[in-house]
N, C-alpha and C. Protein backbone atom coordinates (compact mmCIF):
# COMPACT_ATOMS: atom_id res chain seq x y z
N MET A 1 3.78 203.35 18.00
CA MET A 1 4.05 203.22 19.39
C MET A 1 5.19 204.16 19.76
N SER A 2 5.01 204.93 20.79
CA SER A 2 6.05 205.88 21.18
C SER A 2 7.05 205.21 22.10
N ARG A 3 8.29 205.66 21.96
CA ARG A 3 9.36 205.12 22.79
C ARG A 3 9.63 206.10 23.91
N PRO A 4 9.99 205.57 25.10
CA PRO A 4 10.35 206.49 26.18
C PRO A 4 11.60 207.28 25.81
N THR A 5 11.63 208.51 26.21
CA THR A 5 12.77 209.36 25.93
C THR A 5 13.87 209.07 26.95
N ALA A 6 15.06 208.77 26.43
CA ALA A 6 16.20 208.53 27.31
C ALA A 6 16.76 209.87 27.75
N THR A 7 17.12 209.96 28.99
CA THR A 7 17.73 211.17 29.50
C THR A 7 19.20 210.90 29.80
N PRO A 8 20.03 211.93 29.81
CA PRO A 8 21.44 211.72 30.15
C PRO A 8 21.62 211.06 31.51
N THR A 9 20.72 211.33 32.44
CA THR A 9 20.83 210.74 33.77
C THR A 9 20.66 209.23 33.68
N GLN A 10 19.72 208.76 32.87
CA GLN A 10 19.53 207.32 32.73
C GLN A 10 20.80 206.66 32.18
N THR A 11 21.37 207.24 31.18
CA THR A 11 22.58 206.69 30.59
C THR A 11 23.74 206.78 31.57
N ARG A 12 23.84 207.88 32.26
CA ARG A 12 24.93 208.07 33.23
C ARG A 12 24.87 207.02 34.33
N ARG A 13 23.68 206.58 34.68
CA ARG A 13 23.52 205.61 35.76
C ARG A 13 23.44 204.17 35.26
N SER A 14 23.74 203.95 33.99
CA SER A 14 23.75 202.60 33.42
C SER A 14 25.07 201.92 33.80
N ILE A 15 24.98 200.76 34.41
CA ILE A 15 26.19 200.05 34.83
C ILE A 15 27.11 199.76 33.65
N PRO A 16 26.62 199.20 32.55
CA PRO A 16 27.55 198.93 31.43
C PRO A 16 28.24 200.19 30.92
N ILE A 17 27.50 201.27 30.78
CA ILE A 17 28.10 202.50 30.26
C ILE A 17 29.06 203.10 31.28
N ALA A 18 28.70 203.06 32.55
CA ALA A 18 29.60 203.58 33.60
C ALA A 18 30.90 202.78 33.63
N LEU A 19 30.81 201.46 33.48
CA LEU A 19 32.01 200.63 33.46
C LEU A 19 32.88 200.97 32.24
N LEU A 20 32.25 201.18 31.10
CA LEU A 20 33.01 201.55 29.90
C LEU A 20 33.69 202.91 30.06
N ARG A 21 32.97 203.87 30.62
CA ARG A 21 33.57 205.20 30.83
C ARG A 21 34.76 205.10 31.77
N ALA A 22 34.60 204.34 32.86
CA ALA A 22 35.70 204.19 33.82
C ALA A 22 36.88 203.47 33.18
N ARG A 23 36.59 202.44 32.40
CA ARG A 23 37.66 201.72 31.71
C ARG A 23 38.43 202.65 30.79
N GLU A 24 37.72 203.47 30.03
CA GLU A 24 38.37 204.39 29.11
C GLU A 24 39.26 205.39 29.85
N ARG A 25 38.77 205.90 30.98
CA ARG A 25 39.58 206.86 31.76
C ARG A 25 40.84 206.20 32.29
N VAL A 26 40.71 204.98 32.78
CA VAL A 26 41.87 204.27 33.30
C VAL A 26 42.83 203.91 32.17
N MET A 27 42.29 203.35 31.10
CA MET A 27 43.15 202.92 30.00
C MET A 27 43.84 204.09 29.30
N SER A 28 43.24 205.27 29.34
CA SER A 28 43.90 206.43 28.73
C SER A 28 45.24 206.72 29.40
N ARG A 29 45.40 206.28 30.63
CA ARG A 29 46.69 206.45 31.32
C ARG A 29 47.70 205.40 30.88
N PHE A 30 47.21 204.21 30.51
CA PHE A 30 48.11 203.11 30.15
C PHE A 30 48.46 203.08 28.67
N ARG A 31 47.59 203.59 27.81
CA ARG A 31 47.81 203.49 26.36
C ARG A 31 49.13 204.09 25.89
N PRO A 32 49.55 205.25 26.38
CA PRO A 32 50.86 205.77 25.93
C PRO A 32 52.01 204.82 26.25
N MET A 33 51.98 204.21 27.43
CA MET A 33 53.02 203.26 27.81
C MET A 33 53.00 202.06 26.87
N LEU A 34 51.82 201.52 26.62
CA LEU A 34 51.71 200.37 25.73
C LEU A 34 52.20 200.71 24.33
N ALA A 35 51.80 201.88 23.83
CA ALA A 35 52.21 202.31 22.49
C ALA A 35 53.73 202.46 22.41
N THR A 36 54.34 203.01 23.45
CA THR A 36 55.79 203.18 23.48
C THR A 36 56.51 201.84 23.32
N HIS A 37 55.91 200.79 23.89
CA HIS A 37 56.53 199.47 23.84
C HIS A 37 55.98 198.60 22.71
N GLY A 38 55.11 199.17 21.87
CA GLY A 38 54.60 198.45 20.71
C GLY A 38 53.67 197.30 21.04
N VAL A 39 52.89 197.46 22.10
CA VAL A 39 51.99 196.39 22.54
C VAL A 39 50.57 196.93 22.58
N THR A 40 49.62 196.16 22.08
CA THR A 40 48.21 196.56 22.16
C THR A 40 47.65 196.19 23.54
N GLU A 41 46.50 196.74 23.84
CA GLU A 41 45.85 196.42 25.11
C GLU A 41 45.60 194.92 25.23
N GLN A 42 45.11 194.30 24.16
CA GLN A 42 44.80 192.88 24.19
C GLN A 42 46.08 192.05 24.33
N GLN A 43 47.12 192.42 23.62
CA GLN A 43 48.39 191.71 23.74
C GLN A 43 48.93 191.81 25.16
N TRP A 44 48.78 192.99 25.75
CA TRP A 44 49.26 193.20 27.12
C TRP A 44 48.51 192.30 28.09
N ARG A 45 47.18 192.22 27.93
CA ARG A 45 46.40 191.35 28.82
C ARG A 45 46.85 189.90 28.70
N VAL A 46 47.07 189.45 27.46
CA VAL A 46 47.52 188.08 27.25
C VAL A 46 48.90 187.87 27.89
N LEU A 47 49.81 188.79 27.66
CA LEU A 47 51.15 188.67 28.25
C LEU A 47 51.09 188.59 29.77
N ARG A 48 50.30 189.45 30.38
CA ARG A 48 50.20 189.46 31.85
C ARG A 48 49.64 188.15 32.38
N VAL A 49 48.60 187.64 31.74
CA VAL A 49 47.99 186.38 32.20
C VAL A 49 48.97 185.22 32.02
N VAL A 50 49.63 185.16 30.88
CA VAL A 50 50.60 184.08 30.65
C VAL A 50 51.74 184.19 31.66
N ALA A 51 52.19 185.39 31.94
CA ALA A 51 53.29 185.58 32.90
C ALA A 51 52.88 185.15 34.31
N GLU A 52 51.62 185.32 34.66
CA GLU A 52 51.13 184.93 35.98
C GLU A 52 50.95 183.43 36.11
N SER A 53 50.94 182.72 35.00
CA SER A 53 50.70 181.28 34.97
C SER A 53 51.99 180.57 34.63
N GLN A 54 52.16 179.35 35.14
CA GLN A 54 53.33 178.59 34.71
C GLN A 54 53.14 178.16 33.27
N ALA A 55 52.00 177.61 32.98
CA ALA A 55 51.61 177.24 31.62
C ALA A 55 50.09 177.26 31.62
N ILE A 56 49.49 177.78 30.56
CA ILE A 56 48.04 177.96 30.54
C ILE A 56 47.50 177.56 29.18
N ASP A 57 46.37 176.84 29.20
CA ASP A 57 45.79 176.44 27.91
C ASP A 57 45.01 177.61 27.32
N ALA A 58 44.73 177.47 26.03
CA ALA A 58 44.13 178.58 25.28
C ALA A 58 42.77 178.99 25.82
N SER A 59 41.93 178.04 26.20
CA SER A 59 40.59 178.41 26.66
C SER A 59 40.65 179.16 27.99
N GLU A 60 41.51 178.72 28.88
CA GLU A 60 41.66 179.42 30.16
C GLU A 60 42.30 180.79 29.96
N LEU A 61 43.26 180.86 29.06
CA LEU A 61 43.91 182.14 28.75
C LEU A 61 42.88 183.12 28.19
N ALA A 62 42.06 182.67 27.26
CA ALA A 62 41.03 183.54 26.69
C ALA A 62 40.09 184.04 27.78
N ARG A 63 39.67 183.14 28.65
CA ARG A 63 38.75 183.53 29.73
C ARG A 63 39.38 184.55 30.67
N ARG A 64 40.60 184.27 31.12
CA ARG A 64 41.24 185.15 32.10
C ARG A 64 41.68 186.48 31.50
N ALA A 65 42.00 186.50 30.21
CA ALA A 65 42.42 187.75 29.55
C ALA A 65 41.23 188.50 28.95
N CYS A 66 40.04 187.94 29.07
CA CYS A 66 38.82 188.55 28.51
C CYS A 66 38.98 188.81 27.01
N ILE A 67 39.39 187.76 26.32
CA ILE A 67 39.63 187.81 24.88
C ILE A 67 38.80 186.70 24.24
N LEU A 68 38.13 186.99 23.14
CA LEU A 68 37.41 185.96 22.41
C LEU A 68 38.41 185.01 21.76
N ALA A 69 38.04 183.73 21.68
CA ALA A 69 38.95 182.71 21.15
C ALA A 69 39.53 183.05 19.77
N PRO A 70 38.71 183.50 18.80
CA PRO A 70 39.32 183.83 17.50
C PRO A 70 40.36 184.95 17.59
N SER A 71 40.11 185.91 18.44
CA SER A 71 41.09 187.00 18.63
C SER A 71 42.33 186.47 19.32
N LEU A 72 42.16 185.58 20.28
CA LEU A 72 43.30 185.02 20.99
C LEU A 72 44.23 184.29 20.02
N THR A 73 43.66 183.57 19.07
CA THR A 73 44.48 182.85 18.09
C THR A 73 45.42 183.80 17.37
N ARG A 74 44.88 184.92 16.92
CA ARG A 74 45.68 185.92 16.19
C ARG A 74 46.70 186.58 17.12
N ILE A 75 46.27 186.95 18.32
CA ILE A 75 47.15 187.62 19.27
C ILE A 75 48.29 186.69 19.70
N ALA A 76 47.95 185.44 20.01
CA ALA A 76 48.97 184.48 20.44
C ALA A 76 50.00 184.25 19.34
N LYS A 77 49.54 184.16 18.11
CA LYS A 77 50.47 183.98 16.98
C LYS A 77 51.44 185.16 16.90
N HIS A 78 50.91 186.36 17.03
CA HIS A 78 51.78 187.55 16.99
C HIS A 78 52.78 187.53 18.16
N LEU A 79 52.30 187.21 19.35
CA LEU A 79 53.19 187.19 20.51
C LEU A 79 54.24 186.08 20.41
N GLU A 80 53.87 184.98 19.78
CA GLU A 80 54.86 183.93 19.51
C GLU A 80 55.89 184.41 18.49
N ASP A 81 55.40 185.03 17.42
CA ASP A 81 56.30 185.51 16.37
C ASP A 81 57.29 186.55 16.90
N THR A 82 56.87 187.34 17.88
CA THR A 82 57.75 188.35 18.46
C THR A 82 58.62 187.78 19.57
N GLY A 83 58.40 186.51 19.92
CA GLY A 83 59.22 185.85 20.93
C GLY A 83 58.80 186.14 22.36
N TYR A 84 57.60 186.67 22.57
CA TYR A 84 57.15 187.00 23.92
C TYR A 84 56.51 185.83 24.66
N ILE A 85 55.89 184.92 23.92
CA ILE A 85 55.32 183.72 24.54
C ILE A 85 55.75 182.52 23.72
N GLU A 86 55.64 181.35 24.33
CA GLU A 86 55.98 180.11 23.65
C GLU A 86 54.81 179.14 23.75
N ARG A 87 54.60 178.40 22.68
CA ARG A 87 53.57 177.37 22.65
C ARG A 87 54.25 176.05 23.02
N VAL A 88 53.69 175.34 23.99
CA VAL A 88 54.26 174.06 24.41
C VAL A 88 53.16 173.01 24.44
N LYS A 89 53.56 171.76 24.27
CA LYS A 89 52.60 170.65 24.34
C LYS A 89 52.25 170.38 25.79
N ASP A 90 51.00 170.05 26.03
CA ASP A 90 50.55 169.66 27.36
C ASP A 90 51.20 168.31 27.69
N PRO A 91 51.82 168.17 28.87
CA PRO A 91 52.50 166.92 29.19
C PRO A 91 51.54 165.73 29.35
N VAL A 92 50.28 166.00 29.65
CA VAL A 92 49.29 164.94 29.85
C VAL A 92 48.56 164.61 28.56
N ASP A 93 48.20 165.63 27.80
CA ASP A 93 47.43 165.45 26.57
C ASP A 93 48.15 166.19 25.44
N ALA A 94 48.88 165.46 24.62
CA ALA A 94 49.71 166.06 23.57
C ALA A 94 48.89 166.83 22.54
N ARG A 95 47.56 166.62 22.50
CA ARG A 95 46.72 167.36 21.56
C ARG A 95 46.47 168.78 22.05
N ARG A 96 46.60 168.99 23.33
CA ARG A 96 46.35 170.33 23.91
C ARG A 96 47.60 171.18 23.82
N VAL A 97 47.37 172.46 23.61
CA VAL A 97 48.47 173.42 23.55
C VAL A 97 48.40 174.29 24.80
N ARG A 98 49.54 174.59 25.33
CA ARG A 98 49.63 175.51 26.47
C ARG A 98 50.61 176.61 26.11
N PHE A 99 50.47 177.73 26.78
CA PHE A 99 51.35 178.86 26.53
C PHE A 99 52.16 179.14 27.78
N GLU A 100 53.42 179.51 27.55
CA GLU A 100 54.32 179.93 28.62
C GLU A 100 54.95 181.25 28.22
N ILE A 101 55.32 182.02 29.23
CA ILE A 101 56.00 183.29 28.95
C ILE A 101 57.44 182.97 28.53
N ALA A 102 57.91 183.67 27.53
CA ALA A 102 59.29 183.50 27.04
C ALA A 102 60.17 184.55 27.73
N PRO A 103 61.47 184.34 27.72
CA PRO A 103 62.37 185.32 28.33
C PRO A 103 62.15 186.74 27.79
N ALA A 104 61.91 186.88 26.50
CA ALA A 104 61.66 188.22 25.94
C ALA A 104 60.37 188.83 26.49
N GLY A 105 59.37 188.00 26.74
CA GLY A 105 58.13 188.49 27.34
C GLY A 105 58.35 188.97 28.76
N LEU A 106 59.13 188.22 29.53
CA LEU A 106 59.47 188.65 30.89
C LEU A 106 60.27 189.94 30.86
N ALA A 107 61.19 190.04 29.91
CA ALA A 107 62.00 191.26 29.79
C ALA A 107 61.11 192.46 29.47
N LEU A 108 60.13 192.27 28.60
CA LEU A 108 59.22 193.37 28.26
C LEU A 108 58.41 193.78 29.49
N ILE A 109 57.87 192.83 30.20
CA ILE A 109 57.09 193.14 31.41
C ILE A 109 57.96 193.86 32.42
N ASP A 110 59.19 193.39 32.61
CA ASP A 110 60.13 194.06 33.53
C ASP A 110 60.46 195.47 33.07
N ALA A 111 60.64 195.65 31.75
CA ALA A 111 60.97 196.98 31.22
C ALA A 111 59.84 197.98 31.45
N MET A 112 58.61 197.48 31.55
CA MET A 112 57.46 198.36 31.73
C MET A 112 57.09 198.54 33.20
N ALA A 113 57.75 197.82 34.09
CA ALA A 113 57.34 197.78 35.50
C ALA A 113 57.32 199.15 36.17
N SER A 114 58.38 199.91 36.05
CA SER A 114 58.43 201.18 36.77
C SER A 114 57.39 202.16 36.23
N GLU A 115 57.22 202.18 34.92
CA GLU A 115 56.21 203.06 34.33
C GLU A 115 54.80 202.62 34.74
N ARG A 116 54.56 201.31 34.73
CA ARG A 116 53.26 200.77 35.15
C ARG A 116 52.98 201.12 36.62
N GLU A 117 53.98 200.95 37.47
CA GLU A 117 53.82 201.27 38.89
C GLU A 117 53.53 202.76 39.09
N ALA A 118 54.15 203.61 38.30
CA ALA A 118 53.90 205.05 38.38
C ALA A 118 52.46 205.38 37.99
N ILE A 119 51.95 204.68 36.99
CA ILE A 119 50.56 204.91 36.57
C ILE A 119 49.61 204.49 37.68
N TYR A 120 49.84 203.32 38.26
CA TYR A 120 49.00 202.87 39.37
C TYR A 120 49.08 203.85 40.54
N ALA A 121 50.27 204.35 40.81
CA ALA A 121 50.44 205.32 41.90
C ALA A 121 49.66 206.60 41.62
N SER A 122 49.65 207.03 40.36
CA SER A 122 48.91 208.25 40.03
C SER A 122 47.40 208.03 40.16
N ILE A 123 46.93 206.84 39.81
CA ILE A 123 45.51 206.53 39.99
C ILE A 123 45.16 206.53 41.47
N GLU A 124 46.01 205.91 42.28
CA GLU A 124 45.77 205.90 43.73
C GLU A 124 45.83 207.30 44.31
N ALA A 125 46.74 208.13 43.81
CA ALA A 125 46.84 209.51 44.30
C ALA A 125 45.58 210.30 43.95
N ASP A 126 45.05 210.08 42.77
CA ASP A 126 43.86 210.81 42.32
C ASP A 126 42.57 210.27 42.93
N PHE A 127 42.49 208.97 43.13
CA PHE A 127 41.24 208.34 43.54
C PHE A 127 41.27 207.88 44.99
N GLY A 128 42.47 207.62 45.51
CA GLY A 128 42.62 207.14 46.88
C GLY A 128 42.89 205.64 46.90
N ALA A 129 43.93 205.24 47.63
CA ALA A 129 44.32 203.83 47.68
C ALA A 129 43.20 202.97 48.25
N GLU A 130 42.54 203.45 49.29
CA GLU A 130 41.45 202.67 49.89
C GLU A 130 40.28 202.53 48.93
N ARG A 131 39.98 203.58 48.18
CA ARG A 131 38.87 203.52 47.22
C ARG A 131 39.23 202.59 46.07
N VAL A 132 40.49 202.59 45.64
CA VAL A 132 40.91 201.66 44.57
C VAL A 132 40.72 200.24 45.06
N GLU A 133 41.17 199.95 46.26
CA GLU A 133 41.03 198.60 46.81
C GLU A 133 39.56 198.21 46.95
N ALA A 134 38.73 199.13 47.45
CA ALA A 134 37.30 198.85 47.58
C ALA A 134 36.65 198.63 46.21
N LEU A 135 37.05 199.44 45.23
CA LEU A 135 36.52 199.29 43.89
C LEU A 135 36.87 197.92 43.31
N LEU A 136 38.12 197.51 43.47
CA LEU A 136 38.54 196.20 42.97
C LEU A 136 37.73 195.09 43.63
N GLU A 137 37.53 195.20 44.92
CA GLU A 137 36.74 194.19 45.64
C GLU A 137 35.31 194.16 45.11
N LEU A 138 34.70 195.32 44.94
CA LEU A 138 33.33 195.38 44.42
C LEU A 138 33.24 194.83 43.00
N LEU A 139 34.20 195.15 42.16
CA LEU A 139 34.19 194.65 40.78
C LEU A 139 34.35 193.13 40.75
N GLU A 140 35.20 192.59 41.62
CA GLU A 140 35.33 191.13 41.70
C GLU A 140 34.01 190.49 42.11
N GLN A 141 33.34 191.09 43.08
CA GLN A 141 32.04 190.58 43.51
C GLN A 141 31.01 190.67 42.39
N LEU A 142 31.00 191.79 41.67
CA LEU A 142 30.06 191.97 40.56
C LEU A 142 30.32 190.94 39.46
N ALA A 143 31.58 190.64 39.20
CA ALA A 143 31.92 189.67 38.16
C ALA A 143 31.48 188.25 38.53
N GLU A 144 31.23 188.01 39.80
CA GLU A 144 30.84 186.67 40.24
C GLU A 144 29.34 186.43 40.29
N ILE A 145 28.53 187.47 40.02
CA ILE A 145 27.08 187.26 40.12
C ILE A 145 26.52 186.61 38.87
């Protein structure tokens, strides 16, 4: 049985591949900053989500940071060991664990703020602030289907 021949146009117009290409282009701007501060992309996502939350349980953290649960276990342990996040007992259910941002985690996020803002500004300068906002809106809608 013969298989259809894939053309570069078909691949170029594939939503998953287009999203991956766009992600790589965007992340290539952030990776040097993350490397300078000794943080991986996944660790950074976890830190940001924990910082945005007062306290967050592991399953919600994994979902919001787009991290698989086994990976989150390893990442959270590392972030705890470095003093960036803290594990606390849930006040309602002592069996549940929640994570909170630690002072060192806030300090790291603050230390990266100006560089992060400069990267976002360069993306807006290259792509357009209105297009960035429209893209974010469209991606949120796509994630909800």
